[in-house]
Amino acid sequence: MKYRVIIEQDEDEMFIAEVPSLPGCISQGKTRAEVLKNIQEAIEVYIESLKAHDEPIPPPIDEEIVEVTV
């Protein structure tokens, strides 16, 4: 499954990643590569927890990217 991940850099230059379709699934890292690795692990653990508690797994979000010339 593929999930949309939003990555932002905070005022301390840490990268923060969150998964909108998995509430509370958030991670951080010192680099973009590190935060991507960490959020992938967080998603896996999140989904394992849902399965263990017989809760439904939210579907991934489909999206399109639109480029606009300004």
PDB file of N, CA and C in Angstrom:
ATOM      1  N   MET A   1       0.843  -1.185   0.000  1.00  0.00           N
ATOM      2  CA  MET A   1       0.000   0.000   0.000  1.00  0.00           C
ATOM      3  C   MET A   1       0.881   1.239   0.000  1.00  0.00           C
ATOM      4  N   LYS A   2       0.353   2.274  -0.592  1.00  0.00           N
ATOM      5  CA  LYS A   2       1.073   3.541  -0.624  1.00  0.00           C
ATOM      6  C   LYS A   2       0.254   4.578   0.129  1.00  0.00           C
ATOM      7  N   TYR A   3       0.931   5.337   0.988  1.00  0.00           N
ATOM      8  CA  TYR A   3       0.279   6.393   1.748  1.00  0.00           C
ATOM      9  C   TYR A   3       0.966   7.725   1.466  1.00  0.00           C
ATOM     10  N   ARG A   4       0.170   8.758   1.429  1.00  0.00           N
ATOM     11  CA  ARG A   4       0.720  10.110   1.254  1.00  0.00           C
ATOM     12  C   ARG A   4       1.397  10.512   2.552  1.00  0.00           C
ATOM     13  N   VAL A   5       2.598  11.047   2.441  1.00  0.00           N
ATOM     14  CA  VAL A   5       3.369  11.511   3.593  1.00  0.00           C
ATOM     15  C   VAL A   5       3.680  12.987   3.374  1.00  0.00           C
ATOM     16  N   ILE A   6       3.411  13.792   4.387  1.00  0.00           N
ATOM     17  CA  ILE A   6       3.721  15.221   4.326  1.00  0.00           C
ATOM     18  C   ILE A   6       4.976  15.448   5.164  1.00  0.00           C
ATOM     19  N   ILE A   7       5.977  16.082   4.557  1.00  0.00           N
ATOM     20  CA  ILE A   7       7.241  16.344   5.249  1.00  0.00           C
ATOM     21  C   ILE A   7       7.458  17.841   5.336  1.00  0.00           C
ATOM     22  N   GLU A   8       7.771  18.298   6.530  1.00  0.00           N
ATOM     23  CA  GLU A   8       8.084  19.707   6.756  1.00  0.00           C
ATOM     24  C   GLU A   8       9.342  19.786   7.609  1.00  0.00           C
ATOM     25  N   GLN A   9      10.054  20.891   7.485  1.00  0.00           N
ATOM     26  CA  GLN A   9      11.231  21.119   8.311  1.00  0.00           C
ATOM     27  C   GLN A   9      10.865  22.150   9.366  1.00  0.00           C
ATOM     28  N   ASP A  10      11.170  21.849  10.637  1.00  0.00           N
ATOM     29  CA  ASP A  10      10.808  22.773  11.709  1.00  0.00           C
ATOM     30  C   ASP A  10      11.901  23.803  11.948  1.00  0.00           C
ATOM     31  N   GLU A  11      11.683  24.658  12.938  1.00  0.00           N
ATOM     32  CA  GLU A  11      12.616  25.753  13.218  1.00  0.00           C
ATOM     33  C   GLU A  11      13.977  25.267  13.706  1.00  0.00           C
ATOM     34  N   ASP A  12      14.054  24.022  14.198  1.00  0.00           N
ATOM     35  CA  ASP A  12      15.320  23.432  14.634  1.00  0.00           C
ATOM     36  C   ASP A  12      15.986  22.618  13.530  1.00  0.00           C
ATOM     37  N   GLU A  13      15.460  22.743  12.303  1.00  0.00           N
ATOM     38  CA  GLU A  13      15.953  22.065  11.116  1.00  0.00           C
ATOM     39  C   GLU A  13      15.755  20.549  11.152  1.00  0.00           C
ATOM     40  N   MET A  14      14.854  20.070  12.019  1.00  0.00           N
ATOM     41  CA  MET A  14      14.477  18.657  12.025  1.00  0.00           C
ATOM     42  C   MET A  14      13.378  18.472  10.982  1.00  0.00           C
ATOM     43  N   PHE A  15      13.358  17.320  10.343  1.00  0.00           N
ATOM     44  CA  PHE A  15      12.313  16.995   9.388  1.00  0.00           C
ATOM     45  C   PHE A  15      11.212  16.235  10.117  1.00  0.00           C
ATOM     46  N   ILE A  16       9.976  16.654   9.922  1.00  0.00           N
ATOM     47  CA  ILE A  16       8.809  16.047  10.551  1.00  0.00           C
ATOM     48  C   ILE A  16       7.947  15.458   9.431  1.00  0.00           C
ATOM     49  N   ALA A  17       7.532  14.207   9.606  1.00  0.00           N
ATOM     50  CA  ALA A  17       6.686  13.548   8.610  1.00  0.00           C
ATOM     51  C   ALA A  17       5.402  13.080   9.279  1.00  0.00           C
ATOM     52  N   GLU A  18       4.287  13.243   8.572  1.00  0.00           N
ATOM     53  CA  GLU A  18       3.019  12.728   9.082  1.00  0.00           C
ATOM     54  C   GLU A  18       2.229  12.119   7.936  1.00  0.00           C
ATOM     55  N   VAL A  19       1.337  11.200   8.305  1.00  0.00           N
ATOM     56  CA  VAL A  19       0.522  10.484   7.326  1.00  0.00           C
ATOM     57  C   VAL A  19      -0.935  10.861   7.584  1.00  0.00           C
ATOM     58  N   PRO A  20      -1.513  11.724   6.745  1.00  0.00           N
ATOM     59  CA  PRO A  20      -2.872  12.220   6.994  1.00  0.00           C
ATOM     60  C   PRO A  20      -3.936  11.131   7.140  1.00  0.00           C
ATOM     61  N   SER A  21      -3.812  10.038   6.407  1.00  0.00           N
ATOM     62  CA  SER A  21      -4.855   9.005   6.492  1.00  0.00           C
ATOM     63  C   SER A  21      -4.668   8.069   7.678  1.00  0.00           C
ATOM     64  N   LEU A  22      -3.565   8.223   8.425  1.00  0.00           N
ATOM     65  CA  LEU A  22      -3.320   7.437   9.632  1.00  0.00           C
ATOM     66  C   LEU A  22      -3.140   8.404  10.806  1.00  0.00           C
ATOM     67  N   PRO A  23      -4.221   8.825  11.424  1.00  0.00           N
ATOM     68  CA  PRO A  23      -4.146   9.835  12.494  1.00  0.00           C
ATOM     69  C   PRO A  23      -3.138   9.478  13.587  1.00  0.00           C
ATOM     70  N   GLY A  24      -2.262  10.432  13.883  1.00  0.00           N
ATOM     71  CA  GLY A  24      -1.265  10.236  14.929  1.00  0.00           C
ATOM     72  C   GLY A  24       0.003   9.553  14.449  1.00  0.00           C
ATOM     73  N   CYS A  25       0.066   9.177  13.184  1.00  0.00           N
ATOM     74  CA  CYS A  25       1.268   8.532  12.639  1.00  0.00           C
ATOM     75  C   CYS A  25       2.232   9.632  12.201  1.00  0.00           C
ATOM     76  N   ILE A  26       3.183   9.926  13.095  1.00  0.00           N
ATOM     77  CA  ILE A  26       4.128  11.028  12.893  1.00  0.00           C
ATOM     78  C   ILE A  26       5.522  10.533  13.262  1.00  0.00           C
ATOM     79  N   SER A  27       6.538  11.039  12.565  1.00  0.00           N
ATOM     80  CA  SER A  27       7.918  10.705  12.900  1.00  0.00           C
ATOM     81  C   SER A  27       8.803  11.900  12.574  1.00  0.00           C
ATOM     82  N   GLN A  28      10.065  11.797  12.934  1.00  0.00           N
ATOM     83  CA  GLN A  28      11.006  12.880  12.648  1.00  0.00           C
ATOM     84  C   GLN A  28      12.375  12.306  12.340  1.00  0.00           C
ATOM     85  N   GLY A  29      13.247  13.153  11.799  1.00  0.00           N
ATOM     86  CA  GLY A  29      14.613  12.751  11.490  1.00  0.00           C
ATOM     87  C   GLY A  29      15.475  13.967  11.226  1.00  0.00           C
ATOM     88  N   LYS A  30      16.768  13.779  11.300  1.00  0.00           N
ATOM     89  CA  LYS A  30      17.705  14.887  11.076  1.00  0.00           C
ATOM     90  C   LYS A  30      17.842  15.221   9.595  1.00  0.00           C
ATOM     91  N   THR A  31      17.575  14.229   8.730  1.00  0.00           N
ATOM     92  CA  THR A  31      17.658  14.439   7.288  1.00  0.00           C
ATOM     93  C   THR A  31      16.362  13.963   6.639  1.00  0.00           C
ATOM     94  N   ARG A  32      16.174  14.333   5.399  1.00  0.00           N
ATOM     95  CA  ARG A  32      14.979  13.893   4.666  1.00  0.00           C
ATOM     96  C   ARG A  32      14.990  12.368   4.516  1.00  0.00           C
ATOM     97  N   ALA A  33      16.158  11.804   4.224  1.00  0.00           N
ATOM     98  CA  ALA A  33      16.271  10.349   4.078  1.00  0.00           C
ATOM     99  C   ALA A  33      15.944   9.645   5.400  1.00  0.00           C
ATOM    100  N   GLU A  34      16.423  10.203   6.492  1.00  0.00           N
ATOM    101  CA  GLU A  34      16.159   9.594   7.803  1.00  0.00           C
ATOM    102  C   GLU A  34      14.675   9.650   8.162  1.00  0.00           C
ATOM    103  N   VAL A  35      14.032  10.781   7.904  1.00  0.00           N
ATOM    104  CA  VAL A  35      12.618  10.885   8.246  1.00  0.00           C
ATOM    105  C   VAL A  35      11.780   9.953   7.368  1.00  0.00           C
ATOM    106  N   LEU A  36      12.160   9.759   6.119  1.00  0.00           N
ATOM    107  CA  LEU A  36      11.433   8.830   5.250  1.00  0.00           C
ATOM    108  C   LEU A  36      11.562   7.394   5.765  1.00  0.00           C
ATOM    109  N   LYS A  37      12.745   7.017   6.202  1.00  0.00           N
ATOM    110  CA  LYS A  37      12.961   5.678   6.764  1.00  0.00           C
ATOM    111  C   LYS A  37      12.131   5.516   8.036  1.00  0.00           C
ATOM    112  N   ASN A  38      12.168   6.543   8.892  1.00  0.00           N
ATOM    113  CA  ASN A  38      11.447   6.486  10.165  1.00  0.00           C
ATOM    114  C   ASN A  38       9.934   6.428   9.966  1.00  0.00           C
ATOM    115  N   ILE A  39       9.404   7.200   9.024  1.00  0.00           N
ATOM    116  CA  ILE A  39       7.946   7.208   8.830  1.00  0.00           C
ATOM    117  C   ILE A  39       7.496   5.896   8.201  1.00  0.00           C
ATOM    118  N   GLN A  40       8.330   5.288   7.372  1.00  0.00           N
ATOM    119  CA  GLN A  40       7.972   3.979   6.811  1.00  0.00           C
ATOM    120  C   GLN A  40       7.838   2.954   7.937  1.00  0.00           C
ATOM    121  N   GLU A  41       8.773   2.974   8.869  1.00  0.00           N
ATOM    122  CA  GLU A  41       8.699   2.067  10.025  1.00  0.00           C
ATOM    123  C   GLU A  41       7.467   2.377  10.867  1.00  0.00           C
ATOM    124  N   ALA A  42       7.170   3.666  11.052  1.00  0.00           N
ATOM    125  CA  ALA A  42       6.003   4.067  11.846  1.00  0.00           C
ATOM    126  C   ALA A  42       4.705   3.588  11.195  1.00  0.00           C
ATOM    127  N   ILE A  43       4.627   3.666   9.870  1.00  0.00           N
ATOM    128  CA  ILE A  43       3.436   3.197   9.150  1.00  0.00           C
ATOM    129  C   ILE A  43       3.276   1.687   9.346  1.00  0.00           C
ATOM    130  N   GLU A  44       4.373   0.951   9.225  1.00  0.00           N
ATOM    131  CA  GLU A  44       4.312  -0.502   9.399  1.00  0.00           C
ATOM    132  C   GLU A  44       3.825  -0.873  10.799  1.00  0.00           C
ATOM    133  N   VAL A  45       4.352  -0.225  11.820  1.00  0.00           N
ATOM    134  CA  VAL A  45       3.944  -0.501  13.202  1.00  0.00           C
ATOM    135  C   VAL A  45       2.490  -0.098  13.419  1.00  0.00           C
ATOM    136  N   TYR A  46       2.088   1.019  12.861  1.00  0.00           N
ATOM    137  CA  TYR A  46       0.716   1.505  12.982  1.00  0.00           C
ATOM    138  C   TYR A  46      -0.260   0.472  12.411  1.00  0.00           C
ATOM    139  N   ILE A  47       0.042  -0.021  11.208  1.00  0.00           N
ATOM    140  CA  ILE A  47      -0.840  -0.991  10.558  1.00  0.00           C
ATOM    141  C   ILE A  47      -0.843  -2.326  11.308  1.00  0.00           C
ATOM    142  N   GLU A  48       0.318  -2.745  11.813  1.00  0.00           N
ATOM    143  CA  GLU A  48       0.374  -3.963  12.622  1.00  0.00           C
ATOM    144  C   GLU A  48      -0.516  -3.838  13.852  1.00  0.00           C
ATOM    145  N   SER A  49      -0.508  -2.668  14.479  1.00  0.00           N
ATOM    146  CA  SER A  49      -1.340  -2.430  15.655  1.00  0.00           C
ATOM    147  C   SER A  49      -2.822  -2.488  15.304  1.00  0.00           C
ATOM    148  N   LEU A  50      -3.191  -1.888  14.170  1.00  0.00           N
ATOM    149  CA  LEU A  50      -4.590  -1.953  13.740  1.00  0.00           C
ATOM    150  C   LEU A  50      -5.021  -3.408  13.539  1.00  0.00           C
ATOM    151  N   LYS A  51      -4.175  -4.194  12.879  1.00  0.00           N
ATOM    152  CA  LYS A  51      -4.487  -5.605  12.642  1.00  0.00           C
ATOM    153  C   LYS A  51      -4.623  -6.362  13.960  1.00  0.00           C
ATOM    154  N   ALA A  52      -3.714  -6.104  14.893  1.00  0.00           N
ATOM    155  CA  ALA A  52      -3.730  -6.799  16.183  1.00  0.00           C
ATOM    156  C   ALA A  52      -5.000  -6.510  16.976  1.00  0.00           C
ATOM    157  N   HIS A  53      -5.579  -5.331  16.758  1.00  0.00           N
ATOM    158  CA  HIS A  53      -6.791  -4.934  17.478  1.00  0.00           C
ATOM    159  C   HIS A  53      -8.051  -5.100  16.622  1.00  0.00           C
ATOM    160  N   ASP A  54      -7.910  -5.809  15.506  1.00  0.00           N
ATOM    161  CA  ASP A  54      -9.040  -6.050  14.591  1.00  0.00           C
ATOM    162  C   ASP A  54      -9.747  -4.766  14.166  1.00  0.00           C
ATOM    163  N   GLU A  55      -8.954  -3.730  13.948  1.00  0.00           N
ATOM    164  CA  GLU A  55      -9.501  -2.455  13.484  1.00  0.00           C
ATOM    165  C   GLU A  55      -9.266  -2.344  11.975  1.00  0.00           C
ATOM    166  N   PRO A  56     -10.133  -1.621  11.272  1.00  0.00           N
ATOM    167  CA  PRO A  56      -9.966  -1.494   9.825  1.00  0.00           C
ATOM    168  C   PRO A  56      -8.720  -0.681   9.462  1.00  0.00           C
ATOM    169  N   ILE A  57      -8.108  -1.060   8.365  1.00  0.00           N
ATOM    170  CA  ILE A  57      -6.938  -0.332   7.870  1.00  0.00           C
ATOM    171  C   ILE A  57      -7.429   0.710   6.879  1.00  0.00           C
ATOM    172  N   PRO A  58      -7.166   1.998   7.149  1.00  0.00           N
ATOM    173  CA  PRO A  58      -7.611   3.042   6.232  1.00  0.00           C
ATOM    174  C   PRO A  58      -6.991   2.855   4.844  1.00  0.00           C
ATOM    175  N   PRO A  59      -7.769   3.104   3.810  1.00  0.00           N
ATOM    176  CA  PRO A  59      -7.223   2.971   2.454  1.00  0.00           C
ATOM    177  C   PRO A  59      -6.221   4.087   2.176  1.00  0.00           C
ATOM    178  N   PRO A  60      -5.282   3.818   1.272  1.00  0.00           N
ATOM    179  CA  PRO A  60      -4.353   4.876   0.891  1.00  0.00           C
ATOM    180  C   PRO A  60      -5.113   5.992   0.171  1.00  0.00           C
ATOM    181  N   ILE A  61      -4.518   7.154   0.132  1.00  0.00           N
ATOM    182  CA  ILE A  61      -5.142   8.305  -0.513  1.00  0.00           C
ATOM    183  C   ILE A  61      -4.611   8.418  -1.942  1.00  0.00           C
ATOM    184  N   ASP A  62      -5.524   8.491  -2.894  1.00  0.00           N
ATOM    185  CA  ASP A  62      -5.136   8.762  -4.274  1.00  0.00           C
ATOM    186  C   ASP A  62      -5.077  10.261  -4.458  1.00  0.00           C
ATOM    187  N   GLU A  63      -4.096  10.720  -5.185  1.00  0.00           N
ATOM    188  CA  GLU A  63      -3.999  12.161  -5.430  1.00  0.00           C
ATOM    189  C   GLU A  63      -3.315  12.424  -6.752  1.00  0.00           C
ATOM    190  N   GLU A  64      -3.511  13.593  -7.233  1.00  0.00           N
ATOM    191  CA  GLU A  64      -2.854  14.065  -8.439  1.00  0.00           C
ATOM    192  C   GLU A  64      -2.092  15.333  -8.084  1.00  0.00           C
ATOM    193  N   ILE A  65      -0.994  15.546  -8.751  1.00  0.00           N
ATOM    194  CA  ILE A  65      -0.230  16.778  -8.565  1.00  0.00           C
ATOM    195  C   ILE A  65      -0.449  17.654  -9.781  1.00  0.00           C
ATOM    196  N   VAL A  66      -0.821  18.889  -9.542  1.00  0.00           N
ATOM    197  CA  VAL A  66      -1.097  19.836 -10.619  1.00  0.00           C
ATOM    198  C   VAL A  66      -0.029  20.926 -10.547  1.00  0.00           C
ATOM    199  N   GLU A  67       0.655  21.140 -11.654  1.00  0.00           N
ATOM    200  CA  GLU A  67       1.673  22.173 -11.722  1.00  0.00           C
ATOM    201  C   GLU A  67       1.081  23.424 -12.356  1.00  0.00           C
ATOM    202  N   VAL A  68       1.328  24.553 -11.737  1.00  0.00           N
ATOM    203  CA  VAL A  68       0.800  25.821 -12.234  1.00  0.00           C
ATOM    204  C   VAL A  68       1.984  26.788 -12.439  1.00  0.00           C
ATOM    205  N   THR A  69       2.027  27.405 -13.584  1.00  0.00           N
ATOM    206  CA  THR A  69       3.060  28.393 -13.860  1.00  0.00           C
ATOM    207  C   THR A  69       2.564  29.755 -13.377  1.00  0.00           C
ATOM    208  N   VAL A  70       3.385  30.402 -12.573  1.00  0.00           N
ATOM    209  CA  VAL A  70       3.001  31.705 -12.030  1.00  0.00           C
ATOM    210  C   VAL A  70       3.931  32.761 -12.570  1.00  0.00           C
TER     211      VAL A  70
END
